[in-house]
Amino acid sequence: MNSSPRGWLILAAAIHITLTLAIFLAGHFQLLPALIDVYGTIGRGSAAPTDATVYRNVASDLAVALQTNGLSSWLAIKAPLHCRFLSLLFAGIGRLLGHNILAAEPLNLSYYLAILVCVYLLGSQLFDARAGFIAAIVTGVWPSFLLVSTQFLRDSLSVLCLLALLLLLTMLLTRELRPRTGLAIGLAGAALLTLFWLLRGNLWNIVILAVAITIMLLAWRTIRARRFLTGNAIAIALVLLTMLIVPPRLESTTLAGHRVPVTPLAIPSSTQPAPAEGVITRTIKQIGERRAGFSSYHARESDIDDAVRFTTFGDIVRFVPRATVIGFGAPFPRMWFQRGTFGLGARLLSGAEMIAMYFLYVAAFACAWRNRRRLELWLLFLVATIGAIALGLVVVNAGALYRLRYGFWIMFIVMAGETIAPLVHFTVSRTKATKSRMSSSVVSKDVMNRHSYVSSSQT
């Protein structure tokens, strides 16, 4: 724990690079032909192309267009933003390495390390460096997250944006910012919001939730402080302005490059305000459509309650308890030992991770209870909790739920780090004390043996 943070980041980078190289070699030499293709994409044996496969193909097409027809052709192709980033690598080092996960590793490694830094800073901001360090270690070695971070997916970048945004919003609740600092944080928050919208417009309601909670908590903090926090107000105003302006003006692309519709919970256009009844109706319709979309997911053996449909607001309210169980606990134990799309090994891994996560939930809720008077902790706790429940409400497929939930899991891990850190410190201290006593005992025996030898020699 006392080692240099740079040393730990180098170790994390070495682990990530080694894993990426191992996956690529397994695919290149067809050691697991049913699971990994020659590009290092996991999921070859699935019934339909996985998201990673589709993204790789899109990025490869973009790279070819850039190399053959120039920048104008590259810009003319509609594609997800992270595929554009990948295509630049494919057009560069991809000429030498090929359009595979090795060529994508510079980006994937950067996202992975940046996430660990964000986790550490978030834990340090909320609690202390020790808690942040524990949370970063747990996140860094989480098996399925490590595997996902090596693929051609947008998950790592979108999780990074969400965590970085929460870090900035937490700073608004824990610090009194100068106007210049508030302006800088507001601009950074605006950039993160824009990037998140372009990456994950279908989770935009989570951003709305986080900003709304921050505004309420910041207002309460201002009332308690009995003074206006100018820098904090500037920052949250810029974030709110960006949240209102970006969705109507920028396209958020999906796999095929289609626009993701503006979420019904987003603030309507000032030129045509929507009545409250219209917003509720559209919300119910959107939840139903998204749930139906996941019901048609290719990995049907992972579906949970796929027959459930929402037609009224009452249907949604009645399903919330079940959605809470799904959002926090799926996949359930009965699924851990069933062969899925990626084989039995993936299911067993998910079971092991769920068992670990159940303990981390307990630690996180214990942390929330101990720190229930702290405003900034309520931001993290509410976003993580409501986000998990919302996913349980909408996402039918357990595999898709697993990937979408990483950001919220990491938030719980940050809170759990505060509970775990003293236990780890106590264990390490006990171990060091035991070793010290054993060392002292050995030295004492050595001294006694020498003294006995000298005495016998004199005799």
Protein backbone atom coordinates (compact mmCIF):
# COMPACT_ATOMS: atom_id res chain seq x y z
CA MET A 1 0.00 0.00 0.00
CA ASN A 2 2.90 2.32 0.61
CA SER A 3 4.40 1.73 -2.83
CA SER A 4 4.41 4.42 -5.49
CA PRO A 5 1.10 4.82 -7.38
CA ARG A 6 3.14 4.83 -10.57
CA GLY A 7 4.48 1.39 -9.69
CA TRP A 8 0.97 0.02 -9.19
CA LEU A 9 -0.16 1.52 -12.52
CA ILE A 10 2.81 -0.11 -14.26
CA LEU A 11 1.82 -3.44 -12.69
CA ALA A 12 -1.79 -2.97 -13.83
CA ALA A 13 -0.60 -2.10 -17.34
CA ALA A 14 1.57 -5.22 -17.43
CA ILE A 15 -1.39 -7.39 -16.39
CA HIS A 16 -3.62 -5.84 -19.07
CA ILE A 17 -1.04 -6.14 -21.85
CA THR A 18 -0.25 -9.74 -20.90
CA LEU A 19 -3.93 -10.70 -20.92
CA THR A 20 -4.49 -8.98 -24.28
CA LEU A 21 -1.49 -10.76 -25.77
CA ALA A 22 -2.67 -14.11 -24.39
CA ILE A 23 -6.18 -13.66 -25.86
CA PHE A 24 -4.74 -12.63 -29.22
CA LEU A 25 -2.36 -15.60 -29.36
CA ALA A 26 -5.17 -17.97 -28.39
CA GLY A 27 -7.19 -16.62 -31.30
CA HIS A 28 -4.31 -16.37 -33.75
CA PHE A 29 -3.29 -20.00 -33.25
CA GLN A 30 -6.92 -21.13 -32.89
CA LEU A 31 -6.40 -22.65 -29.46
CA LEU A 32 -10.06 -21.91 -28.58
CA PRO A 33 -11.68 -21.72 -32.02
CA ALA A 34 -15.23 -21.92 -30.66
CA LEU A 35 -14.68 -18.92 -28.41
CA ILE A 36 -12.02 -16.57 -29.83
CA ASP A 37 -11.56 -15.56 -33.47
CA VAL A 38 -8.29 -14.66 -35.19
CA TYR A 39 -8.67 -11.00 -34.24
CA GLY A 40 -8.89 -11.79 -30.53
CA THR A 41 -12.62 -11.15 -30.36
CA ILE A 42 -14.33 -13.21 -27.66
CA GLY A 43 -17.68 -14.75 -28.57
CA ARG A 44 -17.04 -16.42 -31.89
CA GLY A 45 -19.30 -19.35 -31.09
CA SER A 46 -22.42 -17.26 -30.43
CA ALA A 47 -25.47 -17.59 -32.65
CA ALA A 48 -25.11 -14.06 -34.01
CA PRO A 49 -22.19 -11.61 -34.27
CA THR A 50 -21.39 -10.09 -30.90
CA ASP A 51 -21.17 -6.33 -30.36
CA ALA A 52 -17.37 -6.59 -30.32
CA THR A 53 -17.35 -8.30 -33.72
CA VAL A 54 -19.65 -5.70 -35.26
CA TYR A 55 -17.62 -2.84 -33.79
CA ARG A 56 -14.37 -4.32 -35.11
CA ASN A 57 -15.84 -4.63 -38.60
CA VAL A 58 -17.08 -1.03 -38.51
CA ALA A 59 -13.69 0.26 -37.30
CA SER A 60 -11.92 -1.79 -39.96
CA ASP A 61 -14.16 -0.38 -42.71
CA LEU A 62 -13.48 3.13 -41.43
CA ALA A 63 -9.73 2.52 -41.47
CA VAL A 64 -9.86 1.21 -45.05
CA ALA A 65 -11.94 4.22 -46.12
CA LEU A 66 -9.46 6.59 -44.48
CA GLN A 67 -6.48 4.93 -46.15
CA THR A 68 -7.99 4.66 -49.62
CA ASN A 69 -10.31 7.66 -50.00
CA GLY A 70 -9.11 10.11 -47.37
CA LEU A 71 -10.65 12.02 -44.50
CA SER A 72 -13.83 13.09 -46.31
CA SER A 73 -14.82 9.47 -46.92
CA TRP A 74 -14.01 8.59 -43.31
CA LEU A 75 -16.25 11.40 -42.04
CA ALA A 76 -19.08 10.50 -44.42
CA ILE A 77 -19.53 7.03 -42.91
CA LYS A 78 -21.94 6.97 -39.95
CA ALA A 79 -20.36 5.06 -37.10
CA PRO A 80 -20.14 4.98 -33.29
CA LEU A 81 -17.60 7.42 -31.89
CA HIS A 82 -15.38 4.81 -30.27
CA CYS A 83 -15.17 2.98 -33.61
CA ARG A 84 -13.70 6.13 -35.11
CA PHE A 85 -11.04 6.14 -32.41
CA LEU A 86 -10.29 2.48 -33.11
CA SER A 87 -10.13 3.10 -36.85
CA LEU A 88 -7.33 5.63 -36.37
CA LEU A 89 -5.27 2.95 -34.65
CA PHE A 90 -6.15 0.43 -37.35
CA ALA A 91 -5.06 2.91 -40.01
CA GLY A 92 -1.80 3.47 -38.13
CA ILE A 93 -0.23 0.61 -36.19
CA GLY A 94 -2.90 -1.69 -37.63
CA ARG A 95 -0.91 -1.77 -40.86
CA LEU A 96 1.79 -3.61 -38.95
CA LEU A 97 -0.23 -5.56 -36.37
CA GLY A 98 -3.48 -6.05 -38.24
CA HIS A 99 -7.01 -4.98 -37.26
CA ASN A 100 -7.04 -6.92 -34.00
CA ILE A 101 -7.00 -6.37 -30.24
CA LEU A 102 -3.24 -5.78 -30.26
CA ALA A 103 -3.75 -2.73 -32.46
CA ALA A 104 -6.60 -1.58 -30.19
CA GLU A 105 -4.56 -2.08 -27.01
CA PRO A 106 -3.20 1.51 -26.74
CA LEU A 107 -6.77 2.81 -26.44
CA ASN A 108 -8.09 -0.05 -24.32
CA LEU A 109 -5.12 0.17 -21.94
CA SER A 110 -5.56 3.95 -21.62
CA TYR A 111 -9.25 3.54 -20.74
CA TYR A 112 -8.46 0.78 -18.23
CA LEU A 113 -5.75 2.74 -16.42
CA ALA A 114 -7.82 5.94 -16.44
CA ILE A 115 -10.71 4.05 -14.82
CA LEU A 116 -8.40 2.83 -12.05
CA VAL A 117 -7.16 6.39 -11.48
CA CYS A 118 -10.77 7.65 -11.33
CA VAL A 119 -11.71 4.93 -8.85
CA TYR A 120 -8.73 5.81 -6.65
CA LEU A 121 -9.49 9.55 -6.78
CA LEU A 122 -13.20 8.98 -6.10
CA GLY A 123 -12.42 6.80 -3.09
CA SER A 124 -9.84 9.31 -1.85
CA GLN A 125 -12.26 12.20 -2.34
CA LEU A 126 -15.07 10.49 -0.45
CA PHE A 127 -13.02 8.69 2.21
CA ASP A 128 -9.22 8.41 2.17
CA ALA A 129 -6.36 7.17 0.00
CA ARG A 130 -6.46 3.73 1.59
CA ALA A 131 -10.10 3.18 0.64
CA GLY A 132 -9.47 4.47 -2.87
CA PHE A 133 -6.49 2.15 -3.23
CA ILE A 134 -8.49 -0.92 -2.15
CA ALA A 135 -11.33 -0.03 -4.55
CA ALA A 136 -8.88 0.46 -7.42
CA ILE A 137 -7.27 -2.95 -6.77
CA VAL A 138 -10.64 -4.74 -6.66
CA THR A 139 -11.73 -3.01 -9.88
CA GLY A 140 -8.43 -3.67 -11.60
CA VAL A 141 -8.41 -7.43 -11.01
CA TRP A 142 -12.15 -8.02 -11.54
CA PRO A 143 -11.93 -10.90 -14.07
CA SER A 144 -14.84 -10.20 -16.41
CA PHE A 145 -14.16 -6.46 -16.43
CA LEU A 146 -10.55 -7.19 -17.38
CA LEU A 147 -11.71 -9.39 -20.24
CA VAL A 148 -14.25 -6.84 -21.49
CA SER A 149 -11.63 -4.08 -21.36
CA THR A 150 -9.52 -5.94 -23.97
CA GLN A 151 -12.33 -6.03 -26.55
CA PHE A 152 -13.59 -3.66 -29.27
CA LEU A 153 -16.35 -2.31 -27.00
CA ARG A 154 -17.48 1.13 -25.87
CA ASP A 155 -18.05 -0.03 -22.30
CA SER A 156 -14.66 1.00 -20.90
CA LEU A 157 -14.84 4.51 -22.35
CA SER A 158 -18.44 5.06 -21.27
CA VAL A 159 -17.69 3.78 -17.73
CA LEU A 160 -14.69 6.13 -17.61
CA CYS A 161 -16.87 9.10 -18.61
CA LEU A 162 -19.51 8.24 -16.00
CA LEU A 163 -16.98 7.82 -13.17
CA ALA A 164 -15.08 10.97 -14.13
CA LEU A 165 -18.35 12.93 -14.20
CA LEU A 166 -19.29 11.60 -10.74
CA LEU A 167 -15.83 12.59 -9.49
CA LEU A 168 -16.40 16.16 -10.68
CA LEU A 169 -19.91 16.30 -9.22
CA THR A 170 -18.56 14.96 -5.92
CA MET A 171 -16.02 17.80 -5.86
CA LEU A 172 -18.92 20.27 -6.06
CA LEU A 173 -20.35 18.77 -2.87
CA THR A 174 -17.09 18.50 -0.92
CA ARG A 175 -15.16 21.65 -1.85
CA GLU A 176 -15.77 25.37 -2.02
CA LEU A 177 -14.48 26.27 -5.47
CA ARG A 178 -13.10 29.56 -6.68
CA PRO A 179 -14.85 30.96 -9.77
CA ARG A 180 -11.93 30.08 -12.04
CA THR A 181 -11.77 26.53 -10.69
CA GLY A 182 -15.53 26.21 -10.99
CA LEU A 183 -15.32 27.30 -14.63
CA ALA A 184 -12.64 24.69 -15.35
CA ILE A 185 -14.61 21.91 -13.65
CA GLY A 186 -17.79 22.99 -15.45
CA LEU A 187 -16.07 22.86 -18.84
CA ALA A 188 -14.59 19.44 -18.03
CA GLY A 189 -18.04 18.24 -16.97
CA ALA A 190 -19.54 19.59 -20.21
CA ALA A 191 -16.96 17.67 -22.25
CA LEU A 192 -17.66 14.46 -20.32
CA LEU A 193 -21.41 14.86 -20.74
CA THR A 194 -21.03 15.35 -24.49
CA LEU A 195 -18.76 12.34 -24.83
CA PHE A 196 -21.08 10.17 -22.75
CA TRP A 197 -24.08 11.18 -24.85
CA LEU A 198 -22.24 10.27 -28.05
CA LEU A 199 -21.23 6.92 -26.56
CA ARG A 200 -24.25 5.85 -24.50
CA GLY A 201 -27.28 7.95 -25.31
CA ASN A 202 -29.48 5.07 -24.14
CA LEU A 203 -28.22 5.64 -20.58
CA TRP A 204 -28.68 9.39 -20.68
CA ASN A 205 -31.33 9.26 -17.95
CA ILE A 206 -28.57 8.23 -15.52
CA VAL A 207 -26.78 11.49 -16.28
CA ILE A 208 -30.01 13.42 -15.73
CA LEU A 209 -30.43 11.64 -12.41
CA ALA A 210 -26.86 12.37 -11.28
CA VAL A 211 -27.08 16.05 -12.19
CA ALA A 212 -30.52 16.45 -10.59
CA ILE A 213 -29.32 14.86 -7.32
CA THR A 214 -26.23 17.07 -7.35
CA ILE A 215 -28.31 20.22 -7.81
CA MET A 216 -30.57 19.31 -4.87
CA LEU A 217 -27.66 18.38 -2.59
CA LEU A 218 -25.68 21.47 -3.60
CA ALA A 219 -28.71 23.66 -2.85
CA TRP A 220 -28.98 22.05 0.59
CA ARG A 221 -25.26 22.60 1.18
CA THR A 222 -25.61 26.26 0.18
CA ILE A 223 -28.51 26.72 2.61
CA ARG A 224 -26.53 25.12 5.45
CA ALA A 225 -23.44 27.20 4.65
CA ARG A 226 -25.56 30.39 4.54
CA ARG A 227 -23.49 31.78 1.71
CA PHE A 228 -23.54 31.52 -2.06
CA LEU A 229 -20.90 29.15 -3.45
CA THR A 230 -20.02 31.03 -6.63
CA GLY A 231 -17.50 28.60 -8.14
CA ASN A 232 -19.72 25.60 -7.45
CA ALA A 233 -22.71 27.36 -8.98
CA ILE A 234 -20.76 28.20 -12.14
CA ALA A 235 -19.71 24.57 -12.54
CA ILE A 236 -23.16 23.06 -12.08
CA ALA A 237 -24.70 25.72 -14.36
CA LEU A 238 -22.34 24.75 -17.19
CA VAL A 239 -23.10 21.06 -16.64
CA LEU A 240 -26.86 21.71 -16.64
CA LEU A 241 -26.64 23.88 -19.75
CA THR A 242 -24.73 21.16 -21.59
CA MET A 243 -27.27 18.55 -20.51
CA LEU A 244 -30.06 20.62 -22.06
CA ILE A 245 -28.27 21.59 -25.27
CA VAL A 246 -26.38 18.48 -26.37
CA PRO A 247 -29.10 15.80 -26.97
CA PRO A 248 -31.22 17.79 -29.45
CA ARG A 249 -28.16 18.87 -31.46
CA LEU A 250 -25.86 15.85 -31.59
CA GLU A 251 -26.47 12.32 -32.73
CA SER A 252 -25.84 9.45 -30.35
CA THR A 253 -25.08 6.44 -32.51
CA THR A 254 -25.74 2.76 -31.95
CA LEU A 255 -24.22 -0.31 -33.59
CA ALA A 256 -25.55 0.47 -37.03
CA GLY A 257 -24.98 4.19 -36.76
CA HIS A 258 -28.64 5.08 -36.20
CA ARG A 259 -29.60 7.94 -33.98
CA VAL A 260 -30.66 7.10 -30.44
CA PRO A 261 -33.85 9.07 -29.73
CA VAL A 262 -33.78 11.73 -27.07
CA THR A 263 -34.90 10.17 -23.81
CA PRO A 264 -38.40 11.16 -22.67
CA LEU A 265 -37.01 12.26 -19.30
CA ALA A 266 -34.81 14.81 -21.03
CA ILE A 267 -35.96 18.42 -20.83
CA PRO A 268 -38.23 19.11 -23.84
CA SER A 269 -37.47 21.82 -26.37
CA SER A 270 -38.40 25.32 -25.26
CA THR A 271 -40.22 25.87 -28.53
CA GLN A 272 -42.61 22.98 -27.97
CA PRO A 273 -42.89 21.98 -24.31
CA ALA A 274 -44.44 18.57 -23.71
CA PRO A 275 -47.24 18.21 -21.16
CA ALA A 276 -46.64 16.01 -18.11
CA GLU A 277 -49.08 13.38 -19.35
CA GLY A 278 -47.21 13.14 -22.65
CA VAL A 279 -43.87 12.67 -20.91
CA ILE A 280 -45.25 9.85 -18.73
CA THR A 281 -46.83 8.13 -21.73
CA ARG A 282 -43.63 8.38 -23.75
CA THR A 283 -41.61 7.11 -20.80
CA ILE A 284 -43.79 4.00 -20.46
CA LYS A 285 -43.60 3.43 -24.21
CA GLN A 286 -39.81 3.80 -24.27
CA ILE A 287 -39.30 1.43 -21.32
CA GLY A 288 -41.54 -1.11 -23.02
CA GLU A 289 -39.74 -0.75 -26.36
CA ARG A 290 -36.30 -1.11 -24.82
CA ARG A 291 -37.39 -4.12 -22.82
CA ALA A 292 -38.84 -5.68 -25.96
CA GLY A 293 -35.57 -4.94 -27.76
CA PHE A 294 -33.58 -6.90 -25.19
CA SER A 295 -36.14 -9.71 -25.46
CA SER A 296 -35.02 -10.17 -29.06
CA TYR A 297 -31.34 -10.40 -28.06
CA HIS A 298 -29.56 -13.34 -29.71
CA ALA A 299 -28.48 -15.01 -26.40
CA ARG A 300 -31.99 -16.02 -25.38
CA GLU A 301 -30.80 -18.64 -22.86
CA SER A 302 -29.74 -15.74 -20.61
CA ASP A 303 -33.14 -14.03 -20.62
CA ILE A 304 -34.89 -13.27 -17.32
CA ASP A 305 -38.65 -12.63 -17.18
CA ASP A 306 -38.65 -11.99 -20.93
CA ALA A 307 -42.42 -12.48 -21.15
CA VAL A 308 -43.14 -9.46 -18.93
CA ARG A 309 -44.54 -6.42 -20.76
CA PHE A 310 -45.35 -2.92 -19.53
CA THR A 311 -48.49 -1.20 -20.80
CA THR A 312 -49.34 1.07 -17.85
CA PHE A 313 -47.45 2.97 -15.17
CA GLY A 314 -48.87 0.55 -12.62
CA ASP A 315 -47.18 -2.36 -14.42
CA ILE A 316 -43.83 -0.64 -13.98
CA VAL A 317 -44.39 0.17 -10.30
CA ARG A 318 -45.43 -3.41 -9.50
CA PHE A 319 -42.33 -4.76 -11.23
CA VAL A 320 -39.87 -2.50 -9.36
CA PRO A 321 -39.24 -4.99 -6.49
CA ARG A 322 -38.47 -7.72 -9.01
CA ALA A 323 -36.33 -5.27 -11.02
CA THR A 324 -34.36 -4.53 -7.84
CA VAL A 325 -33.63 -8.23 -7.36
CA ILE A 326 -32.59 -8.58 -11.02
CA GLY A 327 -30.52 -5.40 -11.08
CA PHE A 328 -28.55 -6.35 -7.98
CA GLY A 329 -28.55 -10.15 -8.10
CA ALA A 330 -28.70 -11.48 -11.67
CA PRO A 331 -27.50 -13.88 -12.93
CA PHE A 332 -29.02 -16.03 -10.20
CA PRO A 333 -27.45 -19.22 -8.76
CA ARG A 334 -29.49 -21.55 -10.98
CA MET A 335 -27.81 -19.95 -14.03
CA TRP A 336 -24.25 -20.33 -12.73
CA PHE A 337 -24.04 -24.01 -13.64
CA GLN A 338 -25.85 -23.90 -17.00
CA ARG A 339 -23.92 -23.79 -20.26
CA GLY A 340 -24.43 -20.42 -21.93
CA THR A 341 -23.41 -18.69 -25.15
CA PHE A 342 -19.76 -18.59 -24.08
CA GLY A 343 -19.72 -22.04 -22.48
CA LEU A 344 -19.88 -23.28 -18.91
CA GLY A 345 -16.68 -21.50 -17.87
CA ALA A 346 -18.21 -18.07 -18.38
CA ARG A 347 -21.22 -19.01 -16.28
CA LEU A 348 -19.01 -20.34 -13.45
CA LEU A 349 -16.98 -17.12 -13.58
CA SER A 350 -20.15 -15.03 -13.35
CA GLY A 351 -21.24 -17.11 -10.36
CA ALA A 352 -17.93 -16.53 -8.56
CA GLU A 353 -18.14 -12.81 -9.28
CA MET A 354 -21.73 -12.63 -8.06
CA ILE A 355 -20.77 -14.29 -4.76
CA ALA A 356 -17.98 -11.72 -4.34
CA MET A 357 -20.38 -8.93 -5.27
CA TYR A 358 -22.93 -10.02 -2.66
CA PHE A 359 -20.29 -9.51 0.04
CA LEU A 360 -19.29 -6.18 -1.50
CA TYR A 361 -22.94 -5.07 -1.46
CA VAL A 362 -23.03 -5.71 2.30
CA ALA A 363 -19.82 -3.72 2.77
CA ALA A 364 -21.14 -0.88 0.59
CA PHE A 365 -24.46 -0.65 2.45
CA ALA A 366 -22.60 -0.70 5.76
CA CYS A 367 -20.50 2.21 4.51
CA ALA A 368 -23.63 4.09 3.40
CA TRP A 369 -25.19 3.62 6.84
CA ARG A 370 -22.11 4.86 8.70
CA ASN A 371 -21.79 7.89 6.42
CA ARG A 372 -25.50 8.63 6.01
CA ARG A 373 -25.08 12.27 7.05
CA ARG A 374 -22.63 13.02 4.24
CA LEU A 375 -24.22 14.62 1.18
CA GLU A 376 -21.56 13.53 -1.29
CA LEU A 377 -22.02 9.86 -0.40
CA TRP A 378 -25.74 10.07 -1.15
CA LEU A 379 -24.89 11.10 -4.72
CA LEU A 380 -22.82 7.96 -5.31
CA PHE A 381 -25.22 5.67 -3.46
CA LEU A 382 -28.38 6.91 -5.20
CA VAL A 383 -26.88 6.86 -8.69
CA ALA A 384 -25.54 3.33 -8.18
CA THR A 385 -28.76 2.03 -6.62
CA ILE A 386 -31.24 3.64 -9.00
CA GLY A 387 -29.03 2.76 -11.97
CA ALA A 388 -28.99 -0.93 -11.00
CA ILE A 389 -32.77 -0.97 -10.50
CA ALA A 390 -33.34 0.80 -13.83
CA LEU A 391 -31.27 -1.81 -15.63
CA GLY A 392 -33.25 -4.56 -13.93
CA LEU A 393 -36.41 -2.88 -15.16
CA VAL A 394 -35.34 -2.62 -18.80
CA VAL A 395 -32.63 -5.20 -19.56
CA VAL A 396 -33.94 -8.73 -20.04
CA ASN A 397 -30.70 -10.41 -21.08
CA ALA A 398 -28.33 -11.26 -18.21
CA GLY A 399 -25.23 -10.95 -20.39
CA ALA A 400 -26.14 -7.45 -21.52
CA LEU A 401 -27.06 -6.54 -17.94
CA TYR A 402 -23.64 -7.70 -16.79
CA ARG A 403 -21.80 -5.33 -19.11
CA LEU A 404 -24.09 -2.34 -18.60
CA ARG A 405 -23.84 -2.71 -14.81
CA TYR A 406 -20.05 -2.37 -14.49
CA GLY A 407 -20.19 1.38 -13.86
CA PHE A 408 -22.67 0.96 -11.01
CA TRP A 409 -20.79 -2.02 -9.59
CA ILE A 410 -17.64 0.09 -9.44
CA MET A 411 -19.54 2.73 -7.45
CA PHE A 412 -20.52 0.07 -4.91
CA ILE A 413 -16.91 -1.15 -4.85
CA VAL A 414 -15.75 2.37 -4.00
CA MET A 415 -18.13 2.44 -1.03
CA ALA A 416 -17.14 -1.09 -0.03
CA GLY A 417 -13.49 0.01 -0.07
CA GLU A 418 -14.16 2.23 2.95
CA THR A 419 -15.42 -0.80 4.91
CA ILE A 420 -12.71 -3.18 3.70
CA ALA A 421 -9.71 -0.85 4.11
CA PRO A 422 -9.50 -1.05 7.96
CA LEU A 423 -9.82 -4.84 7.81
CA VAL A 424 -6.99 -5.06 5.27
CA HIS A 425 -4.88 -2.67 7.34
CA PHE A 426 -5.48 -4.74 10.47
CA THR A 427 -4.60 -7.98 8.66
CA VAL A 428 -1.41 -6.50 7.20
CA SER A 429 -0.40 -5.06 10.60
CA ARG A 430 -0.98 -8.42 12.30
CA THR A 431 1.05 -10.20 9.63
CA LYS A 432 3.93 -7.75 9.99
CA ALA A 433 3.80 -8.02 13.79
CA THR A 434 3.85 -11.83 13.58
CA LYS A 435 6.81 -11.77 11.20
CA SER A 436 8.59 -9.29 13.47
CA ARG A 437 8.06 -11.52 16.51
CA MET A 438 9.24 -14.57 14.60
CA SER A 439 12.32 -12.67 13.43
CA SER A 440 13.04 -11.50 16.97
CA SER A 441 12.65 -15.06 18.23
CA VAL A 442 15.10 -16.35 15.65
CA VAL A 443 17.61 -13.65 16.55
CA SER A 444 17.23 -14.40 20.25
CA LYS A 445 17.78 -18.12 19.66
CA ASP A 446 20.84 -17.34 17.56
CA VAL A 447 22.28 -15.12 20.30
CA MET A 448 21.59 -17.80 22.91
CA ASN A 449 23.22 -20.45 20.75
CA ARG A 450 26.30 -18.29 20.27
CA HIS A 451 26.49 -17.55 23.99
CA SER A 452 26.20 -21.26 24.77
CA TYR A 453 28.95 -22.04 22.23
CA VAL A 454 31.28 -19.43 23.73
CA SER A 455 30.66 -20.70 27.26
CA SER A 456 31.37 -24.29 26.27
CA SER A 457 34.56 -23.24 24.46
CA GLN A 458 35.84 -21.38 27.53
CA THR A 459 35.11 -24.42 29.64
